[in-house]
Amino acid sequence: MPDNSARTLMAAAAVAVFSVVPPVQAQSANPAWLDQLSEQLALEKGCAVDYFLNMKEGVLAGRLTFEARAQCADGRQFDGALTEPAKEFTISECGVQVC
């Protein structure tokens, strides 16, 4: 039977091994949808996307849905939504909100 220091060393080694394993992430049904939304925003709205907020993927009545808010380099924000089988996103500009 190992002594306490050997057990402590084995436990520390196990923690070290398991802490470097990256977390498992879910696969997207359409991994290129954010690229598609970026391209559509650039073409239709002249928006160079800096980053996305509130990205959501789901299923509605058996159809895949994709939603995100895009922050443009010039400060504008747009919401984009697509429900398959549609090929293009519905895009709406976010206005000023007062809470």
C-alpha atoms as a PDB file:
ATOM      1  CA  MET A   1       0.000   0.000   0.000  1.00  0.00           C
ATOM      2  CA  PRO A   2       1.522   3.390  -0.981  1.00  0.00           C
ATOM      3  CA  ASP A   3       2.149   5.924   1.759  1.00  0.00           C
ATOM      4  CA  ASN A   4       0.396   9.320   1.905  1.00  0.00           C
ATOM      5  CA  SER A   5       3.073  11.166  -0.079  1.00  0.00           C
ATOM      6  CA  ALA A   6       2.854   8.618  -2.916  1.00  0.00           C
ATOM      7  CA  ARG A   7      -0.956   8.930  -2.983  1.00  0.00           C
ATOM      8  CA  THR A   8      -0.685  12.708  -3.049  1.00  0.00           C
ATOM      9  CA  LEU A   9       1.789  12.556  -5.923  1.00  0.00           C
ATOM     10  CA  MET A  10      -0.476  10.187  -7.915  1.00  0.00           C
ATOM     11  CA  ALA A  11      -3.505  12.429  -7.329  1.00  0.00           C
ATOM     12  CA  ALA A  12      -1.549  15.498  -8.454  1.00  0.00           C
ATOM     13  CA  ALA A  13      -0.417  13.680 -11.604  1.00  0.00           C
ATOM     14  CA  ALA A  14      -4.008  12.678 -12.404  1.00  0.00           C
ATOM     15  CA  VAL A  15      -5.201  16.271 -11.981  1.00  0.00           C
ATOM     16  CA  ALA A  16      -2.411  17.510 -14.245  1.00  0.00           C
ATOM     17  CA  VAL A  17      -3.284  15.009 -16.987  1.00  0.00           C
ATOM     18  CA  PHE A  18      -7.014  15.728 -16.919  1.00  0.00           C
ATOM     19  CA  SER A  19      -6.626  19.505 -16.728  1.00  0.00           C
ATOM     20  CA  VAL A  20      -4.856  19.741 -20.115  1.00  0.00           C
ATOM     21  CA  VAL A  21      -7.598  17.902 -22.021  1.00  0.00           C
ATOM     22  CA  PRO A  22      -9.697  20.484 -23.940  1.00  0.00           C
ATOM     23  CA  PRO A  23     -13.437  20.501 -23.232  1.00  0.00           C
ATOM     24  CA  VAL A  24     -15.678  18.770 -25.735  1.00  0.00           C
ATOM     25  CA  GLN A  25     -17.797  21.183 -27.752  1.00  0.00           C
ATOM     26  CA  ALA A  26     -20.961  20.448 -29.670  1.00  0.00           C
ATOM     27  CA  GLN A  27     -20.749  20.263 -33.432  1.00  0.00           C
ATOM     28  CA  SER A  28     -22.751  22.743 -35.461  1.00  0.00           C
ATOM     29  CA  ALA A  29     -25.224  21.471 -38.032  1.00  0.00           C
ATOM     30  CA  ASN A  30     -23.822  24.167 -40.362  1.00  0.00           C
ATOM     31  CA  PRO A  31     -20.370  25.294 -39.192  1.00  0.00           C
ATOM     32  CA  ALA A  32     -20.087  27.957 -41.915  1.00  0.00           C
ATOM     33  CA  TRP A  33     -23.251  29.883 -41.003  1.00  0.00           C
ATOM     34  CA  LEU A  34     -21.394  32.752 -39.308  1.00  0.00           C
ATOM     35  CA  ASP A  35     -19.194  33.147 -42.385  1.00  0.00           C
ATOM     36  CA  GLN A  36     -22.314  33.199 -44.544  1.00  0.00           C
ATOM     37  CA  LEU A  37     -23.899  35.857 -42.327  1.00  0.00           C
ATOM     38  CA  SER A  38     -20.691  37.943 -42.422  1.00  0.00           C
ATOM     39  CA  GLU A  39     -20.608  37.827 -46.222  1.00  0.00           C
ATOM     40  CA  GLN A  40     -24.291  38.753 -46.529  1.00  0.00           C
ATOM     41  CA  LEU A  41     -23.850  41.685 -44.115  1.00  0.00           C
ATOM     42  CA  ALA A  42     -20.841  42.935 -46.072  1.00  0.00           C
ATOM     43  CA  LEU A  43     -22.737  42.786 -49.374  1.00  0.00           C
ATOM     44  CA  GLU A  44     -26.105  44.129 -48.243  1.00  0.00           C
ATOM     45  CA  LYS A  45     -25.228  46.526 -45.432  1.00  0.00           C
ATOM     46  CA  GLY A  46     -21.550  47.410 -45.915  1.00  0.00           C
ATOM     47  CA  CYS A  47     -20.815  45.925 -42.489  1.00  0.00           C
ATOM     48  CA  ALA A  48     -17.336  44.638 -41.668  1.00  0.00           C
ATOM     49  CA  VAL A  49     -18.162  42.289 -38.770  1.00  0.00           C
ATOM     50  CA  ASP A  50     -15.898  42.689 -35.730  1.00  0.00           C
ATOM     51  CA  TYR A  51     -17.595  40.010 -33.635  1.00  0.00           C
ATOM     52  CA  PHE A  52     -20.872  38.207 -32.956  1.00  0.00           C
ATOM     53  CA  LEU A  53     -23.096  38.255 -29.857  1.00  0.00           C
ATOM     54  CA  ASN A  54     -25.910  35.947 -28.732  1.00  0.00           C
ATOM     55  CA  MET A  55     -25.207  33.189 -31.244  1.00  0.00           C
ATOM     56  CA  LYS A  56     -27.927  30.547 -31.156  1.00  0.00           C
ATOM     57  CA  GLU A  57     -28.629  27.372 -33.070  1.00  0.00           C
ATOM     58  CA  GLY A  58     -31.824  25.416 -32.626  1.00  0.00           C
ATOM     59  CA  VAL A  59     -34.644  23.444 -34.134  1.00  0.00           C
ATOM     60  CA  LEU A  60     -38.112  24.872 -34.725  1.00  0.00           C
ATOM     61  CA  ALA A  61     -40.828  22.583 -36.089  1.00  0.00           C
ATOM     62  CA  GLY A  62     -38.145  20.200 -37.303  1.00  0.00           C
ATOM     63  CA  ARG A  63     -36.200  22.910 -39.159  1.00  0.00           C
ATOM     64  CA  LEU A  64     -32.751  24.182 -38.198  1.00  0.00           C
ATOM     65  CA  THR A  65     -32.535  27.798 -37.025  1.00  0.00           C
ATOM     66  CA  PHE A  66     -29.537  30.121 -36.744  1.00  0.00           C
ATOM     67  CA  GLU A  67     -29.500  33.540 -35.025  1.00  0.00           C
ATOM     68  CA  ALA A  68     -26.792  36.024 -34.093  1.00  0.00           C
ATOM     69  CA  ARG A  69     -26.205  39.720 -33.475  1.00  0.00           C
ATOM     70  CA  ALA A  70     -23.275  41.175 -35.419  1.00  0.00           C
ATOM     71  CA  GLN A  71     -21.187  44.117 -34.218  1.00  0.00           C
ATOM     72  CA  CYS A  72     -19.793  46.058 -37.188  1.00  0.00           C
ATOM     73  CA  ALA A  73     -16.453  47.881 -37.170  1.00  0.00           C
ATOM     74  CA  ASP A  74     -18.317  51.210 -37.528  1.00  0.00           C
ATOM     75  CA  GLY A  75     -20.429  50.578 -34.403  1.00  0.00           C
ATOM     76  CA  ARG A  76     -23.670  49.471 -36.037  1.00  0.00           C
ATOM     77  CA  GLN A  77     -25.326  46.225 -34.928  1.00  0.00           C
ATOM     78  CA  PHE A  78     -27.514  43.871 -36.945  1.00  0.00           C
ATOM     79  CA  ASP A  79     -29.579  40.828 -36.018  1.00  0.00           C
ATOM     80  CA  GLY A  80     -29.480  37.971 -38.486  1.00  0.00           C
ATOM     81  CA  ALA A  81     -31.827  34.972 -38.482  1.00  0.00           C
ATOM     82  CA  LEU A  82     -32.213  32.026 -40.814  1.00  0.00           C
ATOM     83  CA  THR A  83     -34.650  29.106 -40.661  1.00  0.00           C
ATOM     84  CA  GLU A  84     -33.886  26.341 -43.117  1.00  0.00           C
ATOM     85  CA  PRO A  85     -34.688  25.716 -45.945  1.00  0.00           C
ATOM     86  CA  ALA A  86     -34.161  29.475 -46.517  1.00  0.00           C
ATOM     87  CA  LYS A  87     -30.783  30.234 -48.101  1.00  0.00           C
ATOM     88  CA  GLU A  88     -30.372  33.843 -46.932  1.00  0.00           C
ATOM     89  CA  PHE A  89     -30.568  35.460 -43.527  1.00  0.00           C
ATOM     90  CA  THR A  90     -33.276  37.923 -42.573  1.00  0.00           C
ATOM     91  CA  ILE A  91     -31.299  40.957 -41.395  1.00  0.00           C
ATOM     92  CA  SER A  92     -32.566  43.833 -39.277  1.00  0.00           C
ATOM     93  CA  GLU A  93     -30.606  46.793 -37.929  1.00  0.00           C
ATOM     94  CA  CYS A  94     -30.610  47.171 -34.155  1.00  0.00           C
ATOM     95  CA  GLY A  95     -31.843  50.570 -33.073  1.00  0.00           C
ATOM     96  CA  VAL A  96     -31.355  52.473 -29.844  1.00  0.00           C
ATOM     97  CA  GLN A  97     -33.023  50.706 -26.931  1.00  0.00           C
ATOM     98  CA  VAL A  98     -34.125  52.418 -23.756  1.00  0.00           C
ATOM     99  CA  CYS A  99     -34.773  50.282 -20.691  1.00  0.00           C
END
